[in-house]
Amino acid sequence: MSVPTYRTPGGLPLGVQFVGPLGGEGVLLALAAQLEAERPWSHLEPPL
């Protein structure tokens, strides 16, 4: 999965790609939930 972990000075999101083992979607989703709890991103929108 790709998770927006940083924003450029212009406001564009930069992501990091995480991979897991076959069938490891639950681990990846749990990781994304933990990262979003620390640094929420769902309310951010890049400039148009």
PDB file of N, CA and C in Angstrom:
ATOM      1  N   MET A   1       0.839  -1.149   0.000  1.00  0.00           N
ATOM      2  CA  MET A   1       0.000   0.000   0.000  1.00  0.00           C
ATOM      3  C   MET A   1       0.889   1.218   0.000  1.00  0.00           C
ATOM      4  N   SER A   2       0.365   2.344  -0.436  1.00  0.00           N
ATOM      5  CA  SER A   2       1.087   3.606  -0.401  1.00  0.00           C
ATOM      6  C   SER A   2       0.433   4.493   0.649  1.00  0.00           C
ATOM      7  N   VAL A   3       1.254   5.031   1.538  1.00  0.00           N
ATOM      8  CA  VAL A   3       0.749   5.848   2.639  1.00  0.00           C
ATOM      9  C   VAL A   3       1.370   7.234   2.530  1.00  0.00           C
ATOM     10  N   PRO A   4       0.549   8.288   2.527  1.00  0.00           N
ATOM     11  CA  PRO A   4       1.104   9.646   2.468  1.00  0.00           C
ATOM     12  C   PRO A   4       1.775   9.989   3.793  1.00  0.00           C
ATOM     13  N   THR A   5       3.102   9.979   3.800  1.00  0.00           N
ATOM     14  CA  THR A   5       3.832  10.190   5.050  1.00  0.00           C
ATOM     15  C   THR A   5       4.472  11.560   5.155  1.00  0.00           C
ATOM     16  N   TYR A   6       4.444  12.333   4.086  1.00  0.00           N
ATOM     17  CA  TYR A   6       5.109  13.634   4.074  1.00  0.00           C
ATOM     18  C   TYR A   6       4.406  14.538   3.091  1.00  0.00           C
ATOM     19  N   ARG A   7       4.517  15.836   3.306  1.00  0.00           N
ATOM     20  CA  ARG A   7       3.975  16.814   2.364  1.00  0.00           C
ATOM     21  C   ARG A   7       5.092  17.762   1.962  1.00  0.00           C
ATOM     22  N   THR A   8       5.143  18.067   0.679  1.00  0.00           N
ATOM     23  CA  THR A   8       6.150  19.006   0.187  1.00  0.00           C
ATOM     24  C   THR A   8       5.799  20.411   0.681  1.00  0.00           C
ATOM     25  N   PRO A   9       6.743  21.340   0.600  1.00  0.00           N
ATOM     26  CA  PRO A   9       6.418  22.713   0.978  1.00  0.00           C
ATOM     27  C   PRO A   9       5.243  23.289   0.185  1.00  0.00           C
ATOM     28  N   GLY A  10       5.012  22.770  -1.029  1.00  0.00           N
ATOM     29  CA  GLY A  10       3.885  23.207  -1.836  1.00  0.00           C
ATOM     30  C   GLY A  10       2.578  22.514  -1.492  1.00  0.00           C
ATOM     31  N   GLY A  11       2.615  21.572  -0.547  1.00  0.00           N
ATOM     32  CA  GLY A  11       1.406  20.902  -0.103  1.00  0.00           C
ATOM     33  C   GLY A  11       1.083  19.580  -0.775  1.00  0.00           C
ATOM     34  N   LEU A  12       1.954  19.119  -1.680  1.00  0.00           N
ATOM     35  CA  LEU A  12       1.686  17.849  -2.353  1.00  0.00           C
ATOM     36  C   LEU A  12       2.102  16.675  -1.468  1.00  0.00           C
ATOM     37  N   PRO A  13       1.291  15.619  -1.427  1.00  0.00           N
ATOM     38  CA  PRO A  13       1.636  14.469  -0.593  1.00  0.00           C
ATOM     39  C   PRO A  13       2.711  13.604  -1.247  1.00  0.00           C
ATOM     40  N   LEU A  14       3.607  13.112  -0.434  1.00  0.00           N
ATOM     41  CA  LEU A  14       4.596  12.127  -0.869  1.00  0.00           C
ATOM     42  C   LEU A  14       4.348  10.864  -0.055  1.00  0.00           C
ATOM     43  N   GLY A  15       4.331   9.745  -0.728  1.00  0.00           N
ATOM     44  CA  GLY A  15       4.004   8.503  -0.046  1.00  0.00           C
ATOM     45  C   GLY A  15       5.167   7.547   0.066  1.00  0.00           C
ATOM     46  N   VAL A  16       5.006   6.615   0.961  1.00  0.00           N
ATOM     47  CA  VAL A  16       5.932   5.505   1.128  1.00  0.00           C
ATOM     48  C   VAL A  16       5.138   4.240   0.827  1.00  0.00           C
ATOM     49  N   GLN A  17       5.748   3.337   0.071  1.00  0.00           N
ATOM     50  CA  GLN A  17       5.066   2.084  -0.258  1.00  0.00           C
ATOM     51  C   GLN A  17       5.498   1.007   0.728  1.00  0.00           C
ATOM     52  N   PHE A  18       4.515   0.332   1.309  1.00  0.00           N
ATOM     53  CA  PHE A  18       4.752  -0.778   2.213  1.00  0.00           C
ATOM     54  C   PHE A  18       4.261  -2.054   1.552  1.00  0.00           C
ATOM     55  N   VAL A  19       4.997  -3.125   1.724  1.00  0.00           N
ATOM     56  CA  VAL A  19       4.595  -4.428   1.190  1.00  0.00           C
ATOM     57  C   VAL A  19       4.603  -5.441   2.323  1.00  0.00           C
ATOM     58  N   GLY A  20       3.806  -6.466   2.162  1.00  0.00           N
ATOM     59  CA  GLY A  20       3.742  -7.508   3.172  1.00  0.00           C
ATOM     60  C   GLY A  20       3.683  -8.871   2.509  1.00  0.00           C
ATOM     61  N   PRO A  21       3.624  -9.894   3.311  1.00  0.00           N
ATOM     62  CA  PRO A  21       3.565 -11.246   2.766  1.00  0.00           C
ATOM     63  C   PRO A  21       2.207 -11.524   2.118  1.00  0.00           C
ATOM     64  N   LEU A  22       2.152 -12.554   1.324  1.00  0.00           N
ATOM     65  CA  LEU A  22       0.904 -12.971   0.702  1.00  0.00           C
ATOM     66  C   LEU A  22      -0.155 -13.174   1.786  1.00  0.00           C
ATOM     67  N   GLY A  23      -1.277 -12.544   1.617  1.00  0.00           N
ATOM     68  CA  GLY A  23      -2.350 -12.637   2.603  1.00  0.00           C
ATOM     69  C   GLY A  23      -2.158 -11.733   3.807  1.00  0.00           C
ATOM     70  N   GLY A  24      -1.182 -10.816   3.738  1.00  0.00           N
ATOM     71  CA  GLY A  24      -0.879  -9.960   4.882  1.00  0.00           C
ATOM     72  C   GLY A  24      -1.562  -8.602   4.852  1.00  0.00           C
ATOM     73  N   GLU A  25      -2.693  -8.519   4.185  1.00  0.00           N
ATOM     74  CA  GLU A  25      -3.391  -7.237   4.082  1.00  0.00           C
ATOM     75  C   GLU A  25      -3.776  -6.684   5.444  1.00  0.00           C
ATOM     76  N   GLY A  26      -4.147  -7.554   6.365  1.00  0.00           N
ATOM     77  CA  GLY A  26      -4.549  -7.103   7.699  1.00  0.00           C
ATOM     78  C   GLY A  26      -3.428  -6.396   8.423  1.00  0.00           C
ATOM     79  N   VAL A  27      -2.213  -6.890   8.267  1.00  0.00           N
ATOM     80  CA  VAL A  27      -1.052  -6.256   8.897  1.00  0.00           C
ATOM     81  C   VAL A  27      -0.814  -4.877   8.290  1.00  0.00           C
ATOM     82  N   LEU A  28      -0.935  -4.795   6.957  1.00  0.00           N
ATOM     83  CA  LEU A  28      -0.728  -3.509   6.295  1.00  0.00           C
ATOM     84  C   LEU A  28      -1.801  -2.494   6.694  1.00  0.00           C
ATOM     85  N   LEU A  29      -3.042  -2.940   6.776  1.00  0.00           N
ATOM     86  CA  LEU A  29      -4.112  -2.030   7.181  1.00  0.00           C
ATOM     87  C   LEU A  29      -3.942  -1.575   8.630  1.00  0.00           C
ATOM     88  N   ALA A  30      -3.482  -2.469   9.487  1.00  0.00           N
ATOM     89  CA  ALA A  30      -3.221  -2.087  10.878  1.00  0.00           C
ATOM     90  C   ALA A  30      -2.096  -1.063  10.941  1.00  0.00           C
ATOM     91  N   LEU A  31      -1.068  -1.250  10.128  1.00  0.00           N
ATOM     92  CA  LEU A  31       0.027  -0.276  10.073  1.00  0.00           C
ATOM     93  C   LEU A  31      -0.486   1.080   9.609  1.00  0.00           C
ATOM     94  N   ALA A  32      -1.296   1.095   8.559  1.00  0.00           N
ATOM     95  CA  ALA A  32      -1.850   2.354   8.059  1.00  0.00           C
ATOM     96  C   ALA A  32      -2.689   3.042   9.127  1.00  0.00           C
ATOM     97  N   ALA A  33      -3.464   2.282   9.877  1.00  0.00           N
ATOM     98  CA  ALA A  33      -4.288   2.858  10.942  1.00  0.00           C
ATOM     99  C   ALA A  33      -3.416   3.485  12.028  1.00  0.00           C
ATOM    100  N   GLN A  34      -2.324   2.827  12.383  1.00  0.00           N
ATOM    101  CA  GLN A  34      -1.421   3.373  13.396  1.00  0.00           C
ATOM    102  C   GLN A  34      -0.740   4.641  12.907  1.00  0.00           C
ATOM    103  N   LEU A  35      -0.311   4.630  11.643  1.00  0.00           N
ATOM    104  CA  LEU A  35       0.343   5.820  11.091  1.00  0.00           C
ATOM    105  C   LEU A  35      -0.635   6.990  11.003  1.00  0.00           C
ATOM    106  N   GLU A  36      -1.858   6.719  10.596  1.00  0.00           N
ATOM    107  CA  GLU A  36      -2.843   7.795  10.493  1.00  0.00           C
ATOM    108  C   GLU A  36      -3.230   8.326  11.870  1.00  0.00           C
ATOM    109  N   ALA A  37      -3.236   7.477  12.885  1.00  0.00           N
ATOM    110  CA  ALA A  37      -3.542   7.939  14.236  1.00  0.00           C
ATOM    111  C   ALA A  37      -2.469   8.921  14.725  1.00  0.00           C
ATOM    112  N   GLU A  38      -1.230   8.688  14.326  1.00  0.00           N
ATOM    113  CA  GLU A  38      -0.130   9.573  14.733  1.00  0.00           C
ATOM    114  C   GLU A  38      -0.082  10.858  13.925  1.00  0.00           C
ATOM    115  N   ARG A  39      -0.355  10.746  12.623  1.00  0.00           N
ATOM    116  CA  ARG A  39      -0.316  11.914  11.735  1.00  0.00           C
ATOM    117  C   ARG A  39      -1.476  11.835  10.760  1.00  0.00           C
ATOM    118  N   PRO A  40      -2.651  12.299  11.171  1.00  0.00           N
ATOM    119  CA  PRO A  40      -3.843  12.195  10.312  1.00  0.00           C
ATOM    120  C   PRO A  40      -3.636  12.855   8.947  1.00  0.00           C
ATOM    121  N   TRP A  41      -4.156  12.205   7.912  1.00  0.00           N
ATOM    122  CA  TRP A  41      -4.030  12.754   6.571  1.00  0.00           C
ATOM    123  C   TRP A  41      -5.346  12.809   5.818  1.00  0.00           C
ATOM    124  N   SER A  42      -6.379  12.203   6.339  1.00  0.00           N
ATOM    125  CA  SER A  42      -7.622  12.114   5.569  1.00  0.00           C
ATOM    126  C   SER A  42      -8.276  13.479   5.318  1.00  0.00           C
ATOM    127  N   HIS A  43      -7.995  14.465   6.147  1.00  0.00           N
ATOM    128  CA  HIS A  43      -8.594  15.783   5.966  1.00  0.00           C
ATOM    129  C   HIS A  43      -7.775  16.683   5.041  1.00  0.00           C
ATOM    130  N   LEU A  44      -6.594  16.255   4.650  1.00  0.00           N
ATOM    131  CA  LEU A  44      -5.717  17.075   3.822  1.00  0.00           C
ATOM    132  C   LEU A  44      -5.996  16.842   2.338  1.00  0.00           C
ATOM    133  N   GLU A  45      -6.005  17.915   1.579  1.00  0.00           N
ATOM    134  CA  GLU A  45      -6.185  17.826   0.139  1.00  0.00           C
ATOM    135  C   GLU A  45      -5.086  18.621  -0.532  1.00  0.00           C
ATOM    136  N   PRO A  46      -4.497  18.093  -1.610  1.00  0.00           N
ATOM    137  CA  PRO A  46      -3.471  18.850  -2.305  1.00  0.00           C
ATOM    138  C   PRO A  46      -4.080  20.044  -3.025  1.00  0.00           C
ATOM    139  N   PRO A  47      -3.296  21.086  -3.218  1.00  0.00           N
ATOM    140  CA  PRO A  47      -3.816  22.245  -3.955  1.00  0.00           C
ATOM    141  C   PRO A  47      -4.059  21.865  -5.412  1.00  0.00           C
ATOM    142  N   LEU A  48      -5.058  22.498  -6.012  1.00  0.00           N
ATOM    143  CA  LEU A  48      -5.373  22.220  -7.407  1.00  0.00           C
ATOM    144  C   LEU A  48      -4.696  23.198  -8.326  1.00  0.00           C
TER     145      LEU A  48
END
